[in-house]
Protein backbone atom coordinates (compact mmCIF):
# COMPACT_ATOMS: atom_id res chain seq x y z
CA MET A 1 39.05 32.08 191.30
CA LEU A 2 36.15 33.63 189.40
CA ARG A 3 34.99 30.40 187.53
CA GLY A 4 31.32 29.70 188.18
CA MET A 5 30.48 33.15 189.64
CA LYS A 6 27.20 34.54 188.25
CA VAL A 7 27.95 38.35 188.53
CA LEU A 8 30.51 40.30 186.32
CA GLN A 9 30.73 43.87 187.46
CA VAL A 10 33.65 45.23 185.38
CA ASP A 11 35.03 44.21 182.01
CA VAL A 12 38.60 45.67 181.39
CA VAL A 13 39.48 45.61 177.80
CA VAL A 14 43.11 45.74 176.81
CA PRO A 15 43.32 46.43 172.92
CA VAL A 16 46.45 45.10 171.41
CA ARG A 17 48.09 44.88 168.06
CA ASN A 18 51.66 43.43 167.72
CA GLU A 19 52.35 43.45 171.37
CA GLU A 20 54.07 40.16 171.82
CA ARG A 21 56.78 41.51 174.01
CA ASP A 22 54.65 43.38 176.59
CA LEU A 23 51.49 41.10 176.46
CA VAL A 24 52.44 38.55 179.14
CA PRO A 25 53.90 40.74 181.72
CA SER A 26 51.24 43.40 181.58
CA ILE A 27 48.38 40.94 181.68
CA ARG A 28 49.78 38.97 184.60
CA ARG A 29 50.35 42.14 186.51
CA LEU A 30 46.83 43.35 185.78
CA VAL A 31 45.47 39.92 187.02
CA THR A 32 47.40 39.93 190.18
CA TYR A 33 46.07 43.40 190.97
CA LEU A 34 42.39 42.27 190.35
CA ARG A 35 42.97 39.37 192.58
CA GLU A 36 44.70 41.11 195.47
CA CYS A 37 43.46 44.55 195.49
CA PHE A 38 40.16 44.92 193.58
CA PRO A 39 36.93 44.54 195.41
CA PHE A 40 34.68 43.91 192.51
CA THR A 41 34.29 40.86 190.18
CA ALA A 42 36.32 41.75 186.92
CA ARG A 43 37.27 40.22 183.66
CA VAL A 44 40.28 41.03 181.38
CA THR A 45 39.43 40.88 177.75
CA ILE A 46 42.50 40.88 175.43
CA ALA A 47 41.35 42.62 172.19
CA ASP A 48 43.82 41.51 169.37
CA ASN A 49 42.83 43.70 166.43
CA GLY A 50 44.80 42.79 163.46
CA SER A 51 48.17 41.49 164.82
CA THR A 52 50.67 40.04 162.36
CA ASP A 53 53.02 38.67 165.01
CA THR A 54 52.52 36.06 167.77
CA THR A 55 50.24 38.27 169.97
CA TRP A 56 47.05 36.19 169.18
CA ALA A 57 48.80 32.90 170.10
CA ILE A 58 50.07 34.55 173.29
CA ALA A 59 46.67 35.96 174.11
CA THR A 60 44.85 32.61 173.72
CA GLY A 61 47.58 31.05 176.10
CA LEU A 62 46.95 33.55 178.69
CA ALA A 63 43.06 32.84 178.43
CA ARG A 64 43.62 29.17 178.99
CA ASP A 65 46.04 29.76 181.94
CA LEU A 66 44.12 32.61 183.80
CA ALA A 67 40.57 32.27 184.84
CA GLU A 68 39.88 36.02 184.61
CA VAL A 69 41.14 36.27 181.05
CA ARG A 70 39.42 35.93 177.72
CA ALA A 71 40.70 36.55 174.28
CA VAL A 72 39.02 38.27 171.42
CA HIS A 73 40.27 38.43 167.80
CA MET A 74 39.44 40.76 165.00
CA ASP A 75 40.81 40.62 161.66
CA LEU A 76 41.10 44.47 161.15
CA PRO A 77 43.17 46.88 163.05
CA GLY A 78 41.71 49.76 164.96
CA ARG A 79 41.44 50.54 168.88
CA GLY A 80 38.12 52.06 168.17
CA ARG A 81 36.73 49.18 166.11
CA ALA A 82 37.69 46.64 168.73
CA LEU A 83 36.34 48.57 171.79
CA ARG A 84 33.01 49.25 169.92
CA ALA A 85 32.59 45.58 169.14
CA ILE A 86 33.49 44.12 172.40
CA TRP A 87 31.66 46.66 174.56
CA ALA A 88 28.64 46.21 172.42
CA GLU A 89 28.44 42.64 173.27
CA SER A 90 29.73 42.73 176.91
CA ASP A 91 27.45 41.74 179.80
CA ALA A 92 29.44 43.56 182.38
CA ASP A 93 28.00 46.39 184.40
CA VAL A 94 30.95 48.74 183.69
CA LEU A 95 33.06 48.64 180.49
CA ALA A 96 36.63 49.93 180.89
CA TYR A 97 39.76 49.90 178.97
CA MET A 98 43.43 50.51 179.33
CA ASP A 99 46.51 50.65 177.21
CA VAL A 100 48.72 47.49 177.25
CA ASP A 101 51.89 49.19 178.37
CA LEU A 102 49.90 49.97 181.68
CA SER A 103 51.49 53.60 181.69
CA THR A 104 48.61 54.49 184.20
CA ASP A 105 49.15 53.27 187.56
CA LEU A 106 46.71 50.49 188.48
CA ASN A 107 45.69 52.10 191.78
CA GLY A 108 43.51 54.40 189.71
CA LEU A 109 41.21 51.74 188.51
CA LEU A 110 39.18 51.46 191.74
CA PRO A 111 38.40 55.24 191.88
CA LEU A 112 37.75 54.99 188.10
CA VAL A 113 34.86 52.38 188.12
CA ALA A 114 33.33 52.94 191.79
CA PRO A 115 31.33 56.00 190.82
CA LEU A 116 29.90 54.12 187.86
CA LEU A 117 29.01 51.10 189.84
CA SER A 118 27.20 53.20 192.48
CA GLY A 119 25.28 55.14 189.85
CA HIS A 120 26.76 58.46 190.78
CA SER A 121 28.52 58.98 187.37
CA ASP A 122 27.94 57.62 183.74
CA LEU A 123 31.50 57.85 182.36
CA ALA A 124 35.03 58.07 184.01
CA ILE A 125 38.29 59.01 182.56
CA GLY A 126 41.75 59.17 183.74
CA THR A 127 43.44 62.62 183.52
CA ARG A 128 47.04 63.48 183.45
CA LEU A 129 46.27 67.21 183.30
CA ALA A 130 44.26 67.78 186.45
CA ARG A 131 45.74 69.01 189.76
CA GLY A 132 47.01 65.82 191.63
CA SER A 133 48.19 63.93 188.72
CA ARG A 134 51.68 62.74 188.52
CA VAL A 135 53.14 62.52 185.03
CA ILE A 136 56.51 61.62 183.56
CA ARG A 137 56.73 62.10 179.83
CA GLY A 138 58.85 64.04 177.41
CA PRO A 139 58.17 67.78 176.51
CA LYS A 140 57.10 66.84 172.95
CA ARG A 141 54.23 64.61 173.87
CA GLU A 142 53.40 67.04 176.69
CA PHE A 143 52.87 69.85 174.41
CA ILE A 144 50.96 67.88 171.83
CA SER A 145 48.70 66.60 174.59
CA ARG A 146 47.89 70.00 176.08
CA SER A 147 47.46 71.63 172.74
CA TYR A 148 45.04 69.05 171.38
CA ASN A 149 42.98 69.33 174.68
CA VAL A 150 42.94 73.22 174.38
CA LEU A 151 41.65 72.72 170.75
CA LEU A 152 38.98 70.46 171.92
CA ARG A 153 37.61 72.80 174.80
CA THR A 154 37.94 75.96 172.40
CA LEU A 155 36.40 74.52 169.31
CA MET A 156 34.11 71.76 170.61
CA GLY A 157 33.27 73.56 173.98
CA VAL A 158 34.05 70.42 176.08
CA ARG A 159 34.65 70.63 179.86
CA PHE A 160 36.57 67.43 180.38
CA SER A 161 40.36 67.91 180.73
CA ASP A 162 42.24 64.99 179.08
CA ALA A 163 40.51 63.13 176.03
CA GLN A 164 43.69 60.85 175.12
CA CYS A 165 44.61 59.22 178.35
CA GLY A 166 44.22 55.42 177.77
CA PHE A 167 42.20 54.83 180.89
CA LYS A 168 38.42 55.07 180.68
CA ALA A 169 35.30 53.39 181.72
CA ILE A 170 31.49 53.78 181.01
CA ARG A 171 28.24 52.04 182.31
CA ARG A 172 26.84 49.57 180.11
CA ASP A 173 23.51 51.05 179.64
CA GLN A 174 24.95 54.46 178.61
CA ALA A 175 27.36 52.73 176.22
CA ARG A 176 24.61 50.92 174.56
CA ALA A 177 22.95 54.34 173.88
CA LEU A 178 26.12 56.04 172.40
CA LEU A 179 27.96 53.35 170.73
CA PRO A 180 25.72 53.42 167.59
CA LEU A 181 26.51 57.26 167.11
CA THR A 182 30.25 56.67 167.01
CA ARG A 183 32.01 56.32 163.63
CA ASP A 184 35.79 56.39 164.29
CA THR A 185 37.70 53.05 164.28
CA GLY A 186 40.99 54.46 165.64
CA TRP A 187 42.51 56.47 168.23
CA PHE A 188 39.81 59.17 168.04
CA PHE A 189 37.15 56.83 169.17
CA ASP A 190 37.24 57.73 172.84
CA THR A 191 37.40 61.42 172.20
CA GLU A 192 34.31 61.05 170.03
CA LEU A 193 32.52 59.07 172.73
CA LEU A 194 33.44 61.56 175.28
CA VAL A 195 32.12 64.45 173.23
CA LEU A 196 28.97 62.77 172.62
CA ALA A 197 28.39 61.80 176.32
CA GLU A 198 28.82 65.27 177.38
CA ARG A 199 26.32 66.51 174.79
CA ALA A 200 23.96 63.70 176.01
CA GLY A 201 24.15 65.27 179.52
CA LEU A 202 26.06 62.45 181.08
CA ARG A 203 28.12 63.02 184.22
CA ILE A 204 31.85 62.52 183.48
CA HIS A 205 34.10 61.65 186.43
CA GLU A 206 37.59 62.54 186.23
CA VAL A 207 40.39 60.60 188.08
CA PRO A 208 43.89 62.24 188.46
CA VAL A 209 46.31 59.49 187.64
CA ASP A 210 50.07 58.52 187.95
CA TRP A 211 51.23 58.19 184.53
CA ILE A 212 54.66 57.14 183.01
CA ASP A 213 55.45 57.67 179.28
CA ASP A 214 56.11 54.28 177.46
CA LEU A 215 59.48 55.01 175.80
CA ASP A 216 58.85 52.27 173.30
CA SER A 217 55.55 53.58 172.20
CA ARG A 218 54.93 52.92 168.40
CA VAL A 219 52.02 55.36 168.07
CA ASP A 220 52.36 57.56 165.00
CA ILE A 221 52.08 60.93 166.64
CA VAL A 222 51.76 62.97 163.44
CA GLY A 223 49.32 60.56 161.78
CA THR A 224 47.29 60.38 164.96
CA ALA A 225 47.09 64.12 165.28
CA LEU A 226 45.91 64.70 161.83
CA ALA A 227 43.21 61.92 162.29
CA ASP A 228 42.22 63.60 165.42
CA LEU A 229 41.77 66.96 163.56
CA ARG A 230 39.77 65.32 160.93
CA GLY A 231 37.59 63.63 163.42
CA MET A 232 36.93 67.00 165.16
CA ALA A 233 36.05 68.53 161.86
CA ARG A 234 33.65 65.71 161.16
CA LEU A 235 31.90 65.92 164.65
CA GLY A 236 31.63 69.74 164.11
CA ALA A 237 30.15 69.50 160.70
CA GLY A 238 27.77 66.74 161.82
CA PHE A 239 26.53 68.88 164.73
CA ALA A 240 26.26 71.92 162.71
CA ARG A 241 24.22 70.24 159.93
CA GLY A 242 22.16 68.36 162.42
CA THR A 243 23.18 65.04 160.94
CA ILE A 244 24.37 63.91 164.37
CA GLN A 245 21.52 63.69 166.68
CA VAL A 246 22.53 62.94 170.49
CA PRO A 247 19.70 61.87 172.69
CA GLN A 248 19.59 63.57 176.05
CA LEU A 249 20.22 60.66 178.48
CA ARG A 250 20.48 62.72 181.77
CA GLY A 251 19.35 66.15 182.79
CA PRO A 252 16.76 68.50 181.26
CA SER A 253 15.36 67.13 177.97
CA LEU A 254 15.82 68.72 174.70
CA ALA A 255 12.04 68.72 174.07
CA ALA A 256 11.61 70.97 177.03
CA ARG A 257 14.06 73.28 175.63
CA ARG A 258 12.56 73.26 172.30
CA ASN A 259 9.25 74.32 174.00
CA GLY A 260 10.34 77.44 175.18
CA ALA A 261 12.86 76.97 178.09
CA GLU A 262 15.64 79.45 177.89
CA PRO A 263 18.94 77.62 176.60
CA ALA A 264 21.99 77.82 178.65
CA GLU A 265 24.75 80.42 177.56
CA SER A 266 26.94 78.72 175.07
CA SER A 267 30.04 79.95 177.02
CA ALA A 268 31.34 82.87 179.10
CA LEU A 269 32.60 85.77 177.28
CA PRO A 270 36.32 84.72 177.36
CA LEU A 271 35.61 81.43 175.95
CA GLN A 272 33.55 83.09 173.22
CA ILE A 273 36.36 85.39 172.49
CA ALA A 274 38.83 82.49 172.35
CA ARG A 275 36.68 80.51 169.93
CA PHE A 276 36.06 83.57 167.79
CA ALA A 277 39.71 84.32 167.64
CA VAL A 278 40.67 80.67 166.52
CA ILE A 279 38.05 80.71 163.94
CA GLY A 280 39.05 84.33 162.82
CA THR A 281 42.60 83.18 162.50
CA GLY A 282 41.57 80.44 160.17
CA SER A 283 39.25 82.52 158.11
CA THR A 284 42.00 85.34 157.79
CA LEU A 285 44.51 82.59 156.49
CA ALA A 286 42.07 81.29 154.08
CA TYR A 287 41.16 85.01 153.03
CA LEU A 288 44.74 85.89 152.46
CA GLY A 289 45.46 82.69 150.58
CA LEU A 290 42.47 83.37 148.18
CA PHE A 291 43.36 86.94 147.82
CA LEU A 292 46.98 85.96 146.74
CA LEU A 293 45.58 83.36 144.42
CA LEU A 294 43.02 85.79 142.72
CA ARG A 295 45.37 88.83 142.73
CA SER A 296 47.60 87.18 140.13
CA SER A 297 44.57 87.52 137.61
CA MET A 298 42.51 90.33 138.69
CA PRO A 299 42.78 93.79 140.28
CA ALA A 300 43.23 94.17 144.04
CA GLN A 301 39.60 95.38 144.79
CA ALA A 302 37.89 92.40 143.03
CA ALA A 303 40.24 89.95 144.61
CA ASN A 304 39.39 91.43 148.01
CA LEU A 305 35.66 91.31 147.37
CA ILE A 306 35.60 87.86 146.30
CA SER A 307 37.83 86.51 149.10
CA LEU A 308 35.92 88.29 151.84
CA LEU A 309 32.64 87.03 150.39
CA LEU A 310 33.58 83.35 150.39
CA THR A 311 35.26 83.43 153.81
CA ALA A 312 32.50 85.43 155.38
CA VAL A 313 29.95 82.74 154.78
CA ALA A 314 32.10 80.12 156.32
CA ASN A 315 32.91 82.26 159.15
CA THR A 316 29.43 82.96 160.06
CA ALA A 317 28.54 79.35 159.90
CA ALA A 318 31.41 78.35 162.28
CA ASN A 319 30.86 81.16 164.70
CA ARG A 320 27.08 80.27 164.71
CA ARG A 321 27.86 76.84 165.84
CA LEU A 322 31.07 76.74 167.55
CA THR A 323 31.23 80.36 169.36
CA PHE A 324 27.49 80.84 170.08
CA GLY A 325 26.29 77.26 170.35
CA ILE A 326 23.46 77.43 167.77
CA SER A 327 22.80 74.40 165.51
CA GLY A 328 20.20 73.10 163.03
CA ARG A 329 18.35 74.89 160.26
CA PRO A 330 15.88 77.35 162.12
CA ASN A 331 17.03 80.94 161.45
CA ALA A 332 20.03 79.87 159.55
CA ALA A 333 19.30 81.92 156.55
CA ARG A 334 18.61 84.96 158.52
CA HIS A 335 21.78 84.56 160.46
CA GLN A 336 23.81 84.31 157.15
CA PHE A 337 21.93 87.37 155.86
CA LYS A 338 23.04 89.39 158.97
CA GLY A 339 26.49 87.91 158.81
CA LEU A 340 26.65 89.13 155.22
CA LEU A 341 25.69 92.58 156.49
CA THR A 342 28.41 92.55 158.79
CA PHE A 343 30.75 91.38 156.14
CA GLY A 344 29.98 94.62 154.44
CA ILE A 345 31.86 96.41 157.32
CA GLY A 346 34.92 94.35 156.64
CA LEU A 347 34.62 95.00 153.00
CA ALA A 348 34.29 98.80 153.63
CA LEU A 349 37.42 98.80 155.97
CA THR A 350 39.54 96.78 153.56
CA ALA A 351 38.49 98.35 150.45
CA GLY A 352 39.00 101.75 151.92
CA SER A 353 42.42 100.81 153.13
CA LEU A 354 43.36 99.56 149.71
CA ALA A 355 42.06 102.78 148.18
CA VAL A 356 44.11 104.79 150.51
CA LEU A 357 47.19 102.78 149.82
CA GLU A 358 46.78 103.01 146.06
CA ALA A 359 46.23 106.73 146.27
CA SER A 360 49.52 107.23 148.31
CA SER A 361 51.41 104.65 146.48
CA PRO A 362 50.32 103.89 142.72
CA HIS A 363 52.39 100.46 142.76
CA PRO A 364 52.43 99.08 146.20
CA GLY A 365 54.13 95.81 146.60
CA ARG A 366 52.28 92.57 147.61
CA GLY A 367 53.81 92.49 151.18
CA THR A 368 52.40 96.02 151.80
CA GLU A 369 48.96 95.27 150.63
CA ILE A 370 49.03 92.20 152.94
CA ALA A 371 50.02 94.40 155.78
CA VAL A 372 47.35 96.87 155.33
CA LEU A 373 44.66 94.21 154.74
CA LEU A 374 45.70 92.48 158.09
CA ALA A 375 45.44 95.70 160.07
CA ALA A 376 41.95 96.55 158.49
CA ASN A 377 40.85 92.88 159.27
CA LEU A 378 41.80 93.27 162.78
CA VAL A 379 39.59 96.25 163.04
CA ALA A 380 36.72 94.59 161.14
CA ALA A 381 37.05 91.57 163.44
CA ALA A 382 36.58 93.28 166.64
CA LEU A 383 33.47 95.13 165.22
CA ARG A 384 32.32 91.86 163.92
CA PHE A 385 32.46 90.02 167.06
CA ALA A 386 30.51 92.78 168.77
CA LEU A 387 27.72 92.53 166.20
CA TYR A 388 27.74 88.78 166.40
CA ARG A 389 27.16 88.86 170.13
CA THR A 390 24.64 91.51 170.39
CA TRP A 391 22.91 91.34 166.98
CA VAL A 392 23.49 88.49 164.67
CA PHE A 393 23.53 85.75 167.29
CA GLY A 394 21.93 87.92 170.29
CA ARG A 395 19.93 86.16 172.94
CA SER A 396 16.71 86.77 171.07
CA GLU A 397 18.29 84.90 168.17
CA ARG A 398 19.24 81.84 170.15
CA GLY A 399 16.73 79.15 169.74
CA ALA A 400 16.59 75.32 170.09
CA GLY A 401 19.61 73.51 169.10
CA GLY A 402 22.05 75.29 171.18
CA PRO A 403 24.46 73.26 173.52
CA PRO A 404 22.82 70.96 176.13
CA ALA A 405 21.75 72.74 179.17
CA GLU A 406 23.96 72.33 182.40
CA MET A 407 23.09 68.68 183.89
CA ASP A 408 20.79 68.89 186.64
CA ASP A 409 22.44 67.39 189.71
CA SER A 410 19.14 66.18 191.07
CA ALA A 411 18.64 64.00 188.12
CA ARG A 412 19.83 60.51 189.05
CA THR A 413 19.99 57.14 187.32
CA GLU A 414 19.84 53.77 189.21
CA PRO A 415 22.97 51.93 190.24
CA VAL A 416 23.75 49.40 187.36
CA ARG A 417 22.12 45.89 188.16
CA PRO A 418 24.38 42.89 188.00
CA GLY A 419 23.64 40.44 185.26
CA PRO A 420 24.61 36.83 184.51
CA VAL A 421 28.45 36.24 183.29
CA GLU A 422 29.56 33.63 180.97
CA PRO A 423 32.50 31.61 181.95
CA PHE A 424 36.02 33.16 181.94
CA GLY A 425 39.16 31.85 180.48
CA SER A 426 37.86 31.80 176.85
CA THR A 427 38.93 32.95 173.48
CA ILE A 428 36.54 34.50 170.86
CA GLN A 429 36.75 35.33 167.44
CA LEU A 430 35.09 38.60 166.25
CA PRO A 431 35.47 38.89 162.35
CA VAL A 432 35.18 42.68 162.15
CA LEU A 433 32.18 43.74 164.10
CA THR A 434 30.33 40.50 164.03
CA ALA A 435 29.98 39.16 167.60
CA GLN A 436 30.21 35.56 166.64
CA ARG A 437 31.72 33.26 169.48
CA GLU A 438 33.87 30.23 169.21
CA ARG A 439 34.79 29.11 172.63
CA THR A 440 38.02 27.15 173.03
CA SER A 441 38.28 26.75 176.70
């Protein structure tokens, strides 16, 4: 049907690894949908990444039989590695991907890609967490998914609702700008791309989808969750240190903001409180762990002083970047100095509480000491937040390097221009990230 056509508008990548059972019915169902219901020219790219069963042989057979299908093989596993390599060399106007189990209803594909082809949006995602979505899945996956997205919104300040749905698309020109900034080779890749896109000022279109959980899914939930947390920590550290520089691809330029334009507020007060609370919980746990560790070898007051000092520096740095949206080196030393002054309030409260406890009970138990310190830290935390917001990171302290300003809706990009397409029904070898092609059709 599509042989000989010169324009390719959508490249739908289906990453697979050891999917010999589901591959044939899923790809044939997808191709049937594209032929009968999809108004744009499209190609299906089967991305075999490190399969050890007959998946690659099945993929090459599908590429021979179906004009719309090509097969790509990579030696190493990793969904992110496969998507980055294939999207980087694709000549389609819009680059999409979906999971091989087709858990997302295919009727969502057209509303996913249409805003990108028109130039209205830059990146589109399916969401299972928005009003209008219809989702069937177990409570465990539902809880994990919602918790993960709450963490993303709280700690990374993102606005999109569902980072993990395996149903996404991006304009080719924007992908070429952002792909070199991505590092993850696994499941965190698309979350990383979304965070970078939002910071670049791109417009993200969300499509409520119908989604049915695959009961035979072999995803390692715990391992994936830990990898996602490591990915969030890596991104947060990169943004805080300024080692990840994201270009402003749409909306007000960063240069304009550096030249004196007022940066947008990092968040509303409730979101600032939420981020401060999450960071504070982590800091308190670290403080208590250090206190208990040091208490075995030194007096309570000394252990309290060292524990507070160490966690205060990390707490100030985390709140500077994540709660109040300030990154880069300008004023960092001054912010830390002011943060240490607020640390003095916490020290005074906790030291005073310990002194009162020791005066009233010469040999208090560890549990009593911890309870008193927790109460003193709660009071200190409330005072510290007020000082952070009004003095340490107040409006006059917020310079360049804050979060990107809200996107200017008047900023438009031109619709993607169709380009030439190579023949379909082919198989390609991509050893790791090398885009060497060996056509077999």
